Amino acid sequence: MAHWVEPVAGTLLMALVLADVFLTVLYARAGTGILSDRLARLVWLALRRLSSAGNGNHLLSFCGPLILVALLFTWSILLALGAALIVHPQLGTSITSSNQETPTDFVTALYVAGSSLSIVGGSNFGPQSTGAKLLFLLNSVIGTSVISLTITYLMQIYGALRSRNSLCLKIHALCGETGDAADLLAHLFANNQLSAGYNNLSELAAEVTDTKEAHHFYPVLFYFRFPEPFYSVSRSSLIVLDAVSLIRSALPKNADWLKQSGAVTQLWSSALLLLSTLNNVFLHEKASAEADDGDRQLWQVRFDNARRRLRQAGVSVTDDLPHSCESYLEQRRRWDCLVCLLGHSMAYQSSDIDPAIQRV
């Protein structure tokens, strides 16, 4: 019975790995991986536990690279194991050694399988039957294809990571390294030059959209956590969404063209979609749309401070304070909990994600 059980089990195992490679590298959608998503979560939870045991959150900075190493190692080992299960019953018959009696143990099968996945004829074991020759050829094609795909995958991930970090650094610089959206708008719209600042908003909106899609294509990006909080998606999203909320609520009537512009709409939608995607795929705890009285009071103070900062920069603000404040609170309610959940899940403190809270 073992003569057919092992090949069937090996075929199923190889099919599982190849399906995971296809879904992770080629299909490229968040939450679709069979092995990769679970492995990434497992590595993150293990490092998170070690970090909470007193080794510091800097340990989490190694999570992204470690996940990639673990994923490539898992794919390689499981492919070799699956091929070994197929090869094992054929040792000594269809597959023989060229210079000695052919061993039939499983370790030898694993060695032959690993060799056939890399180069046909790379060991002193060779196929003798037509079926064995086709098996060696198929293994070689599979091994070469997986290696090529994973190399391309790694290059794309680090390209997307560099673009994401550049966007986060750009947002950090535009707000004067304060993490406050009011400072960002004050710099963009200084002396009430809304048209000039609109060009920067358009560029920012395009980059936020690219970042959202990068996390959708390469969900492992979520686990690349840097010690510097300004590189976090949660902090960048907070600044962007807070900036849009202030534009829509604090600016006067003559700025309606800006409030309804494509750049502002794109910024809002892309940042919310990014937060929602990460929340739905990675976080077990779901965000609540309810805000308590403490939150509302804090947001009101933040809104007053933002209006004051904009006036200092020469930017006109609305005089309809009750209506504008309520508008700001309503918009903030839609995204604040998402930002807090995401920041907490990445082991950041609230003051890391929203440093402006210390000035309230």
Protein backbone atom coordinates (compact mmCIF):
# COMPACT_ATOMS: atom_id res chain seq x y z
CA MET A 1 0.00 0.00 0.00
CA ALA A 2 2.90 2.33 0.77
CA HIS A 3 3.88 2.25 -2.89
CA TRP A 4 0.87 4.38 -3.78
CA VAL A 5 0.18 6.15 -0.47
CA GLU A 6 3.54 7.96 -0.45
CA PRO A 7 3.29 9.26 -4.05
CA VAL A 8 -0.29 10.46 -3.49
CA ALA A 9 0.67 12.21 -0.24
CA GLY A 10 3.72 13.73 -1.94
CA THR A 11 1.68 14.97 -4.89
CA LEU A 12 -0.90 16.57 -2.58
CA LEU A 13 1.84 18.23 -0.52
CA MET A 14 3.55 19.66 -3.60
CA ALA A 15 0.18 20.83 -4.95
CA LEU A 16 -0.50 22.60 -1.64
CA VAL A 17 2.85 24.43 -1.78
CA LEU A 18 2.44 25.38 -5.43
CA ALA A 19 -1.07 26.67 -4.73
CA ASP A 20 0.31 28.81 -1.91
CA VAL A 21 3.08 30.14 -4.18
CA PHE A 22 0.47 30.95 -6.83
CA LEU A 23 -1.86 32.75 -4.41
CA THR A 24 0.96 34.62 -2.65
CA VAL A 25 3.13 35.63 -5.60
CA LEU A 26 0.96 35.57 -8.72
CA TYR A 27 -2.62 36.07 -7.56
CA ALA A 28 -1.36 38.57 -4.96
CA ARG A 29 -4.38 39.49 -2.85
CA ALA A 30 -4.46 40.12 0.88
CA GLY A 31 -5.90 37.25 2.89
CA THR A 32 -5.74 34.55 0.18
CA GLY A 33 -2.53 32.72 1.08
CA ILE A 34 -2.92 29.15 2.38
CA LEU A 35 0.38 28.77 4.22
CA SER A 36 1.97 32.21 3.88
CA ASP A 37 -0.69 34.15 5.82
CA ARG A 38 -0.68 31.69 8.72
CA LEU A 39 3.12 31.53 8.81
CA ALA A 40 3.42 35.33 8.84
CA ARG A 41 0.91 35.56 11.69
CA LEU A 42 2.76 32.86 13.63
CA VAL A 43 6.14 34.60 13.31
CA TRP A 44 4.61 37.95 14.30
CA LEU A 45 2.91 36.50 17.38
CA ALA A 46 6.11 34.71 18.44
CA LEU A 47 8.19 37.89 18.16
CA ARG A 48 5.45 39.93 19.83
CA ARG A 49 5.50 37.54 22.79
CA LEU A 50 9.30 37.69 23.03
CA SER A 51 9.12 41.47 22.79
CA SER A 52 6.58 41.73 25.61
CA ALA A 53 8.80 39.48 27.74
CA GLY A 54 11.26 42.35 28.13
CA ASN A 55 13.42 42.39 25.02
CA GLY A 56 11.95 45.63 23.70
CA ASN A 57 9.85 46.37 20.62
CA HIS A 58 12.99 46.76 18.51
CA LEU A 59 12.85 42.98 18.12
CA LEU A 60 9.72 43.43 16.04
CA SER A 61 11.77 45.29 13.43
CA PHE A 62 13.14 41.90 12.33
CA CYS A 63 9.67 40.45 11.80
CA GLY A 64 9.25 41.29 8.10
CA PRO A 65 12.61 39.86 6.96
CA LEU A 66 12.19 36.81 9.21
CA ILE A 67 8.78 36.09 7.70
CA LEU A 68 10.28 36.12 4.21
CA VAL A 69 13.11 33.79 5.28
CA ALA A 70 10.65 31.45 7.01
CA LEU A 71 8.35 31.46 3.99
CA LEU A 72 11.11 30.60 1.50
CA PHE A 73 12.50 27.94 3.85
CA THR A 74 9.02 26.41 4.33
CA TRP A 75 8.30 26.32 0.60
CA SER A 76 11.67 24.71 -0.13
CA ILE A 77 11.43 22.07 2.62
CA LEU A 78 7.84 21.11 1.83
CA LEU A 79 8.53 20.86 -1.91
CA ALA A 80 11.54 18.65 -1.23
CA LEU A 81 9.52 16.54 1.22
CA GLY A 82 6.68 16.11 -1.26
CA ALA A 83 9.07 15.14 -4.04
CA ALA A 84 10.84 12.72 -1.66
CA LEU A 85 7.55 10.95 -0.94
CA ILE A 86 7.11 10.42 -4.67
CA VAL A 87 10.73 9.32 -5.21
CA HIS A 88 11.02 6.98 -2.22
CA PRO A 89 9.09 3.96 -3.62
CA GLN A 90 11.12 4.17 -6.87
CA LEU A 91 14.58 3.94 -5.29
CA GLY A 92 16.42 0.84 -6.43
CA THR A 93 14.08 0.26 -9.37
CA SER A 94 13.22 3.29 -11.51
CA ILE A 95 15.86 5.45 -9.79
CA THR A 96 19.31 3.98 -9.16
CA SER A 97 22.80 5.04 -8.13
CA SER A 98 25.40 5.15 -10.88
CA ASN A 99 28.39 3.94 -8.84
CA GLN A 100 27.12 1.84 -5.93
CA GLU A 101 24.18 -0.15 -4.63
CA THR A 102 21.16 2.12 -4.39
CA PRO A 103 20.08 2.94 -0.80
CA THR A 104 16.32 2.92 -0.27
CA ASP A 105 16.01 4.94 2.96
CA PHE A 106 13.94 8.11 3.13
CA VAL A 107 16.94 10.40 3.71
CA THR A 108 18.32 9.25 0.36
CA ALA A 109 14.93 9.94 -1.22
CA LEU A 110 15.02 13.44 0.27
CA TYR A 111 18.51 14.00 -1.15
CA VAL A 112 17.48 12.77 -4.62
CA ALA A 113 14.32 14.88 -4.54
CA GLY A 114 16.18 18.02 -3.48
CA SER A 115 18.74 17.48 -6.24
CA SER A 116 16.08 16.96 -8.89
CA LEU A 117 14.31 20.16 -7.83
CA SER A 118 17.48 22.16 -8.47
CA ILE A 119 19.23 20.56 -11.47
CA VAL A 120 18.43 17.43 -13.48
CA GLY A 121 21.21 14.94 -12.89
CA GLY A 122 22.81 17.00 -10.13
CA SER A 123 23.56 13.89 -8.05
CA ASN A 124 24.87 10.40 -8.76
CA PHE A 125 21.30 9.11 -8.82
CA GLY A 126 19.61 8.88 -12.20
CA PRO A 127 16.19 7.92 -13.56
CA GLN A 128 15.97 4.66 -15.46
CA SER A 129 12.33 4.51 -16.55
CA THR A 130 10.38 6.94 -18.70
CA GLY A 131 8.17 7.92 -15.77
CA ALA A 132 11.16 8.63 -13.54
CA LYS A 133 12.78 10.74 -16.26
CA LEU A 134 9.61 12.80 -16.60
CA LEU A 135 9.46 13.14 -12.82
CA PHE A 136 13.01 14.51 -12.68
CA LEU A 137 12.24 16.91 -15.52
CA LEU A 138 9.01 18.11 -13.85
CA ASN A 139 10.79 18.58 -10.53
CA SER A 140 13.46 20.64 -12.22
CA VAL A 141 10.86 22.87 -13.91
CA ILE A 142 9.00 23.32 -10.62
CA GLY A 143 12.16 24.12 -8.66
CA THR A 144 13.45 26.62 -11.24
CA SER A 145 10.06 28.32 -11.54
CA VAL A 146 9.60 28.68 -7.78
CA ILE A 147 13.11 30.11 -7.38
CA SER A 148 12.51 32.64 -10.18
CA LEU A 149 9.13 33.67 -8.77
CA THR A 150 10.43 34.10 -5.24
CA ILE A 151 13.38 36.24 -6.37
CA THR A 152 10.98 38.49 -8.30
CA TYR A 153 8.63 38.53 -5.30
CA LEU A 154 11.41 39.69 -2.96
CA MET A 155 12.44 42.48 -5.33
CA GLN A 156 8.86 43.70 -5.62
CA ILE A 157 8.29 43.62 -1.86
CA TYR A 158 11.35 45.71 -1.10
CA GLY A 159 10.49 48.10 -3.92
CA ALA A 160 7.01 48.55 -2.43
CA LEU A 161 8.50 48.92 1.05
CA ARG A 162 10.84 51.66 -0.12
CA SER A 163 7.93 53.53 -1.73
CA ARG A 164 5.86 53.21 1.45
CA ASN A 165 8.68 54.48 3.63
CA SER A 166 9.29 57.39 1.27
CA LEU A 167 5.63 58.36 1.53
CA CYS A 168 5.69 58.16 5.33
CA LEU A 169 8.85 60.25 5.48
CA LYS A 170 7.34 62.79 3.08
CA ILE A 171 4.25 63.18 5.29
CA HIS A 172 6.48 63.44 8.35
CA ALA A 173 8.51 66.21 6.71
CA LEU A 174 5.48 68.11 5.37
CA CYS A 175 4.02 68.44 8.86
CA GLY A 176 7.33 69.75 10.19
CA GLU A 177 8.08 66.48 12.02
CA THR A 178 5.28 67.20 14.50
CA GLY A 179 2.82 64.50 13.44
CA ASP A 180 0.07 67.17 13.43
CA ALA A 181 -2.21 67.51 10.39
CA ALA A 182 -2.79 71.18 11.19
CA ASP A 183 0.93 71.84 10.69
CA LEU A 184 0.83 69.98 7.38
CA LEU A 185 -2.03 72.17 6.11
CA ALA A 186 -0.35 75.29 7.49
CA HIS A 187 2.74 74.52 5.42
CA LEU A 188 0.80 73.56 2.28
CA PHE A 189 -1.64 76.50 2.36
CA ALA A 190 0.55 79.19 3.95
CA ASN A 191 -0.81 82.72 3.35
CA ASN A 192 -4.03 81.22 2.02
CA GLN A 193 -2.39 79.84 -1.15
CA LEU A 194 -4.85 76.98 -1.57
CA SER A 195 -4.16 76.46 -5.28
CA ALA A 196 -0.44 76.06 -4.68
CA GLY A 197 -1.00 73.50 -1.95
CA TYR A 198 -3.44 71.58 -4.12
CA ASN A 199 -0.61 70.32 -6.33
CA ASN A 200 1.09 68.78 -3.31
CA LEU A 201 -2.19 67.21 -2.22
CA SER A 202 -2.60 65.63 -5.68
CA GLU A 203 0.86 64.05 -5.49
CA LEU A 204 0.19 62.86 -1.97
CA ALA A 205 -3.14 61.32 -2.99
CA ALA A 206 -1.51 59.33 -5.80
CA GLU A 207 1.18 58.00 -3.45
CA VAL A 208 -1.35 57.00 -0.78
CA THR A 209 -3.32 55.11 -3.43
CA ASP A 210 -0.15 53.28 -4.53
CA THR A 211 0.59 52.37 -0.91
CA LYS A 212 -2.91 51.01 -0.41
CA GLU A 213 -2.58 48.78 -3.47
CA ALA A 214 0.92 47.67 -2.46
CA HIS A 215 -0.43 46.33 0.85
CA HIS A 216 -3.21 44.59 -1.06
CA PHE A 217 -0.71 42.91 -3.40
CA TYR A 218 1.97 42.20 -0.80
CA PRO A 219 0.27 41.76 2.60
CA VAL A 220 3.60 40.83 4.20
CA LEU A 221 4.36 44.57 4.10
CA PHE A 222 2.06 44.89 7.10
CA TYR A 223 4.66 43.10 9.23
CA PHE A 224 7.55 45.40 8.35
CA ARG A 225 7.62 47.48 11.51
CA PHE A 226 10.31 50.11 12.09
CA PRO A 227 11.37 51.58 15.44
CA GLU A 228 10.66 55.09 14.15
CA PRO A 229 6.88 55.65 14.50
CA PHE A 230 6.75 58.06 11.57
CA TYR A 231 7.32 55.07 9.25
CA SER A 232 4.09 53.44 10.46
CA VAL A 233 1.01 53.25 8.25
CA SER A 234 -1.22 54.16 11.19
CA ARG A 235 0.56 57.47 11.86
CA SER A 236 0.67 58.48 8.19
CA SER A 237 -3.00 57.55 7.77
CA LEU A 238 -3.93 59.58 10.85
CA ILE A 239 -2.21 62.69 9.50
CA VAL A 240 -3.76 62.29 6.04
CA LEU A 241 -7.30 61.63 7.29
CA ASP A 242 -7.08 64.38 9.90
CA ALA A 243 -5.91 66.79 7.21
CA VAL A 244 -8.88 65.92 5.00
CA SER A 245 -11.25 66.23 7.97
CA LEU A 246 -9.88 69.71 8.71
CA ILE A 247 -10.13 70.77 5.07
CA ARG A 248 -13.77 69.72 4.93
CA SER A 249 -14.75 71.23 8.27
CA ALA A 250 -12.46 74.15 9.14
CA LEU A 251 -12.06 75.94 5.81
CA PRO A 252 -14.62 78.59 4.77
CA LYS A 253 -17.26 78.47 2.04
CA ASN A 254 -14.98 79.91 -0.65
CA ALA A 255 -12.83 76.78 -0.32
CA ASP A 256 -15.66 74.45 -1.37
CA TRP A 257 -13.82 73.71 -4.61
CA LEU A 258 -10.96 72.26 -2.56
CA LYS A 259 -13.28 70.27 -0.28
CA GLN A 260 -14.94 68.64 -3.29
CA SER A 261 -11.76 68.23 -5.35
CA GLY A 262 -10.51 64.93 -6.70
CA ALA A 263 -7.28 65.06 -4.67
CA VAL A 264 -9.07 65.47 -1.34
CA THR A 265 -11.61 62.76 -2.22
CA GLN A 266 -8.85 60.40 -3.34
CA LEU A 267 -6.83 61.02 -0.15
CA TRP A 268 -9.84 60.25 2.02
CA SER A 269 -10.96 57.13 0.14
CA SER A 270 -7.48 55.62 -0.31
CA ALA A 271 -6.45 56.10 3.32
CA LEU A 272 -9.74 54.68 4.61
CA LEU A 273 -9.51 51.72 2.24
CA LEU A 274 -5.96 51.02 3.40
CA LEU A 275 -6.99 51.05 7.06
CA SER A 276 -10.08 48.94 6.37
CA THR A 277 -8.10 46.37 4.38
CA LEU A 278 -5.49 45.95 7.10
CA ASN A 279 -8.16 45.84 9.79
CA ASN A 280 -10.26 43.19 8.00
CA VAL A 281 -7.34 40.93 7.06
CA PHE A 282 -4.99 41.13 10.03
CA LEU A 283 -6.81 42.29 13.14
CA HIS A 284 -9.11 40.06 15.15
CA GLU A 285 -10.65 42.95 17.07
CA LYS A 286 -12.95 45.04 14.92
CA ALA A 287 -13.18 48.80 15.09
CA SER A 288 -16.17 50.45 16.71
CA ALA A 289 -17.73 53.56 15.24
CA GLU A 290 -18.83 54.78 18.67
CA ALA A 291 -16.90 57.53 20.44
CA ASP A 292 -17.21 58.25 24.16
CA ASP A 293 -17.46 61.70 25.74
CA GLY A 294 -13.74 61.75 26.48
CA ASP A 295 -12.92 61.22 22.82
CA ARG A 296 -15.29 63.95 21.69
CA GLN A 297 -13.87 66.45 24.17
CA LEU A 298 -10.34 65.63 23.06
CA TRP A 299 -11.28 66.02 19.40
CA GLN A 300 -12.95 69.37 20.10
CA VAL A 301 -9.75 70.65 21.69
CA ARG A 302 -7.77 69.32 18.73
CA PHE A 303 -10.12 71.11 16.33
CA ASP A 304 -9.77 74.42 18.19
CA ASN A 305 -5.99 74.09 18.21
CA ALA A 306 -6.01 73.31 14.49
CA ARG A 307 -8.08 76.41 13.67
CA ARG A 308 -5.66 78.51 15.73
CA ARG A 309 -2.65 77.04 13.93
CA LEU A 310 -4.18 77.67 10.50
CA ARG A 311 -4.91 81.29 11.38
CA GLN A 312 -1.31 81.76 12.51
CA ALA A 313 -0.20 80.55 9.05
CA GLY A 314 -2.52 83.05 7.34
CA VAL A 315 -5.08 80.46 6.26
CA SER A 316 -8.73 81.52 6.37
CA VAL A 317 -11.04 79.40 8.53
CA THR A 318 -14.82 79.31 8.87
CA ASP A 319 -16.62 81.40 11.48
CA ASP A 320 -19.44 78.87 11.86
CA LEU A 321 -17.78 77.15 14.81
CA PRO A 322 -20.63 74.88 16.09
CA HIS A 323 -21.40 73.44 12.67
CA SER A 324 -17.77 73.08 11.62
CA CYS A 325 -16.80 71.44 14.91
CA GLU A 326 -19.64 68.94 14.65
CA SER A 327 -18.61 68.17 11.08
CA TYR A 328 -15.05 67.50 12.24
CA LEU A 329 -16.23 65.23 15.06
CA GLU A 330 -18.40 63.22 12.69
CA GLN A 331 -15.58 62.67 10.21
CA ARG A 332 -13.07 61.85 12.94
CA ARG A 333 -15.46 59.23 14.32
CA ARG A 334 -15.24 57.31 11.04
CA TRP A 335 -11.50 56.65 11.18
CA ASP A 336 -10.05 57.31 14.63
CA CYS A 337 -10.73 53.84 16.05
CA LEU A 338 -9.23 52.18 12.97
CA VAL A 339 -6.01 54.14 13.46
CA CYS A 340 -5.85 53.32 17.16
CA LEU A 341 -6.42 49.61 16.57
CA LEU A 342 -3.80 49.42 13.87
CA GLY A 343 -1.24 51.32 15.92
CA HIS A 344 -1.85 49.11 18.95
CA SER A 345 -1.58 45.95 16.87
CA MET A 346 1.88 47.05 15.71
CA ALA A 347 2.98 47.61 19.34
CA TYR A 348 3.09 51.42 19.15
CA GLN A 349 1.99 53.68 21.97
CA SER A 350 -0.82 56.19 21.38
CA SER A 351 1.66 59.05 21.73
CA ASP A 352 3.86 57.46 19.04
CA ILE A 353 1.04 57.43 16.51
CA ASP A 354 -0.46 60.77 17.52
CA PRO A 355 2.27 62.93 19.11
CA ALA A 356 0.02 65.98 18.88
CA ILE A 357 -2.07 64.48 21.68
CA GLN A 358 0.66 65.49 24.13
CA ARG A 359 0.04 69.15 23.34
CA VAL A 360 -3.69 68.98 24.09
